[in-house]
Amino acid sequence: MNILIIDNETIRLKELVSLLKNHKLKIIKRSEIDSFDFLNINFIVLSGGSNLSIVGNEDKYQSEINLIKNSSIPIVGICLGFQLIAYIYGSNLIKSKGEYQTIVDFNIIENDFIFNDLSNFKVYEAHNWKIDKVPKDFIVLAESDEAIQIIKHKNREVYGFQFHPEMFINETCGNKIFNNLLNKYKK
């Protein structure tokens, strides 16, 4: 499968690339979105981010916002990518007290094929922001005591993962959830 990673300056790019090693990857910065040819791309991953928050910097994310709103290509947002999806669809972002980094248990709220074959219900979180509510036109698939973990658009192929599926793959199920999602779109 041809996967485009939009790198939001994540410090976990190496791990994300490793998670996607069985696919053909193209990696671009968000500043390259407007000039990129999306022909032959089957799936888009919006990476986590580093220091540039969404709130107050919406103009710097405008190309990515337009892509999320208008693309017919399936999309998943990870951490900052998840927050960006939720934010543009009407959620508020709440600043955490310091960076939240830990492995958490989550609860399935709405069953979905992405939960097939799970042996545990743990994911790794590392974030400074979280969403305050489910955006309109989305459903919550999973949540932890700390935050909403997975959302899915009701009518489009858009998912959001608050957690990092590329981290601690031997201790969590985030990579299995991610791969179950990708398997739906293999061509």
Protein backbone atom coordinates (compact mmCIF):
# COMPACT_ATOMS: atom_id res chain seq x y z
CA MET A 1 0.00 0.00 0.00
CA ASN A 2 1.18 3.54 -0.75
CA ILE A 3 1.10 5.56 2.47
CA LEU A 4 1.80 9.24 2.87
CA ILE A 5 3.08 10.39 6.26
CA ILE A 6 2.64 14.07 6.96
CA ASP A 7 5.39 14.78 9.45
CA ASN A 8 4.26 17.32 12.04
CA GLU A 9 7.81 17.44 13.43
CA THR A 10 7.35 14.28 15.45
CA ILE A 11 10.26 12.97 17.48
CA ARG A 12 8.89 9.48 16.82
CA LEU A 13 9.23 9.42 13.03
CA LYS A 14 11.75 6.56 13.07
CA GLU A 15 9.35 4.40 15.10
CA LEU A 16 6.40 5.32 12.85
CA VAL A 17 8.41 4.40 9.73
CA SER A 18 9.36 1.10 11.39
CA LEU A 19 5.70 0.37 12.13
CA LEU A 20 4.91 0.95 8.44
CA LYS A 21 7.93 -0.94 7.06
CA ASN A 22 5.79 -3.30 4.95
CA HIS A 23 4.33 -0.43 2.91
CA LYS A 24 5.63 2.03 0.34
CA LEU A 25 6.11 5.30 2.21
CA LYS A 26 6.37 8.91 1.21
CA ILE A 27 7.12 11.41 3.96
CA ILE A 28 6.49 15.12 3.60
CA LYS A 29 6.36 18.13 5.90
CA ARG A 30 3.04 19.97 6.25
CA SER A 31 4.59 22.87 4.31
CA GLU A 32 4.83 20.57 1.26
CA ILE A 33 1.15 19.53 1.18
CA ASP A 34 -0.01 22.11 -1.37
CA SER A 35 2.62 21.09 -3.92
CA PHE A 36 2.38 17.31 -3.37
CA ASP A 37 0.83 15.02 -6.02
CA PHE A 38 -1.54 12.67 -4.16
CA LEU A 39 -1.92 10.36 -7.17
CA ASN A 40 -1.39 6.70 -6.13
CA ILE A 41 -1.61 7.46 -2.38
CA ASN A 42 -3.91 4.95 -0.68
CA PHE A 43 -3.74 6.18 2.90
CA ILE A 44 -2.61 9.30 4.81
CA VAL A 45 -1.09 9.35 8.30
CA LEU A 46 -0.93 12.65 10.17
CA SER A 47 1.91 12.21 12.64
CA GLY A 48 2.21 13.43 16.17
CA GLY A 49 3.99 16.73 16.70
CA SER A 50 6.62 18.38 18.79
CA ASN A 51 6.51 21.98 19.97
CA LEU A 52 4.05 23.82 17.72
CA SER A 53 0.61 23.74 19.31
CA ILE A 54 -2.51 23.96 17.15
CA VAL A 55 -4.17 26.66 19.26
CA GLY A 56 -2.81 30.02 18.16
CA ASN A 57 -1.04 28.52 15.16
CA GLU A 58 -3.98 27.56 12.97
CA ASP A 59 -2.50 29.43 10.00
CA LYS A 60 0.57 27.16 10.04
CA TYR A 61 -1.74 24.12 9.83
CA GLN A 62 -4.03 25.54 7.12
CA SER A 63 -2.86 23.21 4.33
CA GLU A 64 -3.29 20.19 6.61
CA ILE A 65 -6.72 21.46 7.70
CA ASN A 66 -7.79 21.79 4.05
CA LEU A 67 -6.49 18.28 3.34
CA ILE A 68 -8.45 16.77 6.24
CA LYS A 69 -11.64 18.53 5.22
CA ASN A 70 -11.42 17.80 1.49
CA SER A 71 -9.48 14.59 0.88
CA SER A 72 -11.24 11.44 -0.27
CA ILE A 73 -8.19 9.39 0.75
CA PRO A 74 -8.56 7.56 4.10
CA ILE A 75 -6.81 9.42 6.94
CA VAL A 76 -5.69 8.60 10.47
CA GLY A 77 -4.34 11.24 12.82
CA ILE A 78 -1.96 10.26 15.62
CA CYS A 79 -1.71 12.43 18.76
CA LEU A 80 -1.37 15.94 17.29
CA GLY A 81 -2.97 14.63 14.09
CA PHE A 82 -5.90 13.33 16.17
CA GLN A 83 -6.19 16.67 17.96
CA LEU A 84 -6.09 18.57 14.66
CA ILE A 85 -8.93 16.45 13.24
CA ALA A 86 -11.04 16.91 16.38
CA TYR A 87 -10.27 20.63 16.58
CA ILE A 88 -11.31 21.46 13.03
CA TYR A 89 -14.54 19.53 13.51
CA GLY A 90 -15.48 21.50 16.63
CA SER A 91 -13.70 20.13 19.71
CA ASN A 92 -11.77 22.38 22.02
CA LEU A 93 -8.22 21.50 23.01
CA ILE A 94 -7.43 21.43 26.71
CA LYS A 95 -3.83 21.95 27.86
CA SER A 96 -2.60 19.21 30.17
CA LYS A 97 -0.59 19.96 33.28
CA GLY A 98 2.79 19.07 31.83
CA GLU A 99 3.31 16.33 29.26
CA TYR A 100 1.31 13.22 29.94
CA GLN A 101 3.46 10.12 29.21
CA THR A 102 2.39 6.65 30.23
CA ILE A 103 0.87 3.36 29.18
CA VAL A 104 -2.87 3.42 29.93
CA ASP A 105 -5.72 0.96 29.84
CA PHE A 106 -8.63 1.89 27.61
CA ASN A 107 -12.24 0.84 27.32
CA ILE A 108 -13.99 0.04 24.07
CA ILE A 109 -17.06 2.27 23.80
CA GLU A 110 -18.21 1.27 20.30
CA ASN A 111 -17.09 -1.98 18.71
CA ASP A 112 -15.20 -1.69 15.42
CA PHE A 113 -13.10 -3.98 13.23
CA ILE A 114 -9.94 -2.24 14.48
CA PHE A 115 -10.33 -4.11 17.79
CA ASN A 116 -10.16 -7.59 16.21
CA ASP A 117 -7.66 -9.94 17.84
CA LEU A 118 -6.69 -7.71 20.77
CA SER A 119 -4.98 -9.49 23.63
CA ASN A 120 -4.74 -6.43 25.88
CA PHE A 121 -6.30 -3.01 26.11
CA LYS A 122 -3.26 -0.82 26.69
CA VAL A 123 -1.87 2.04 24.63
CA TYR A 124 0.97 4.54 25.06
CA GLU A 125 0.11 8.22 25.46
CA ALA A 126 2.47 11.17 25.28
CA HIS A 127 0.71 14.50 24.86
CA ASN A 128 0.37 18.06 26.11
CA TRP A 129 -3.18 18.55 24.83
CA LYS A 130 -6.40 16.55 24.75
CA ILE A 131 -9.87 17.14 23.36
CA ASP A 132 -12.80 18.21 25.51
CA LYS A 133 -15.61 16.45 23.62
CA VAL A 134 -16.41 14.27 20.67
CA PRO A 135 -16.71 16.39 17.53
CA LYS A 136 -20.00 16.45 15.67
CA ASP A 137 -20.16 13.70 13.02
CA PHE A 138 -17.72 11.51 14.97
CA ILE A 139 -18.19 8.61 17.35
CA VAL A 140 -15.93 7.59 20.21
CA LEU A 141 -14.60 4.08 19.78
CA ALA A 142 -12.40 3.99 22.90
CA GLU A 143 -11.41 6.08 25.90
CA SER A 144 -9.19 5.87 28.95
CA ASP A 145 -9.52 7.52 32.34
CA GLU A 146 -7.27 10.28 30.98
CA ALA A 147 -8.74 11.02 27.56
CA ILE A 148 -10.76 10.04 24.53
CA GLN A 149 -8.45 7.62 22.72
CA ILE A 150 -10.06 6.78 19.36
CA ILE A 151 -12.62 8.61 17.25
CA LYS A 152 -14.11 7.75 13.86
CA HIS A 153 -16.02 9.95 11.44
CA LYS A 154 -19.57 8.71 10.84
CA ASN A 155 -19.53 9.24 7.06
CA ARG A 156 -15.90 9.53 5.98
CA GLU A 157 -12.80 7.37 6.26
CA VAL A 158 -11.23 9.53 8.98
CA TYR A 159 -9.93 8.14 12.27
CA GLY A 160 -8.10 9.76 15.16
CA PHE A 161 -5.81 8.03 17.68
CA GLN A 162 -4.80 10.09 20.73
CA PHE A 163 -2.21 7.42 21.55
CA HIS A 164 1.05 6.51 19.78
CA PRO A 165 0.68 3.13 18.03
CA GLU A 166 4.35 3.21 17.05
CA MET A 167 5.59 3.09 20.66
CA PHE A 168 6.00 0.13 23.06
CA ILE A 169 4.60 -2.34 20.55
CA ASN A 170 5.49 -5.33 22.75
CA GLU A 171 3.59 -3.94 25.75
CA THR A 172 0.55 -2.33 24.13
CA CYS A 173 -2.00 -3.07 21.42
CA GLY A 174 -1.74 0.27 19.62
CA ASN A 175 0.21 -1.26 16.73
CA LYS A 176 -2.42 -4.00 16.31
CA ILE A 177 -5.22 -1.42 16.20
CA PHE A 178 -3.24 0.61 13.66
CA ASN A 179 -2.50 -2.45 11.48
CA ASN A 180 -6.13 -3.61 11.64
CA LEU A 181 -7.10 -0.19 10.28
CA LEU A 182 -4.50 -0.32 7.50
CA ASN A 183 -5.52 -3.86 6.51
CA LYS A 184 -8.96 -2.56 5.55
CA TYR A 185 -7.39 -0.35 2.88
CA LYS A 186 -4.72 -2.66 1.43
CA LYS A 187 -4.80 -2.73 -2.36
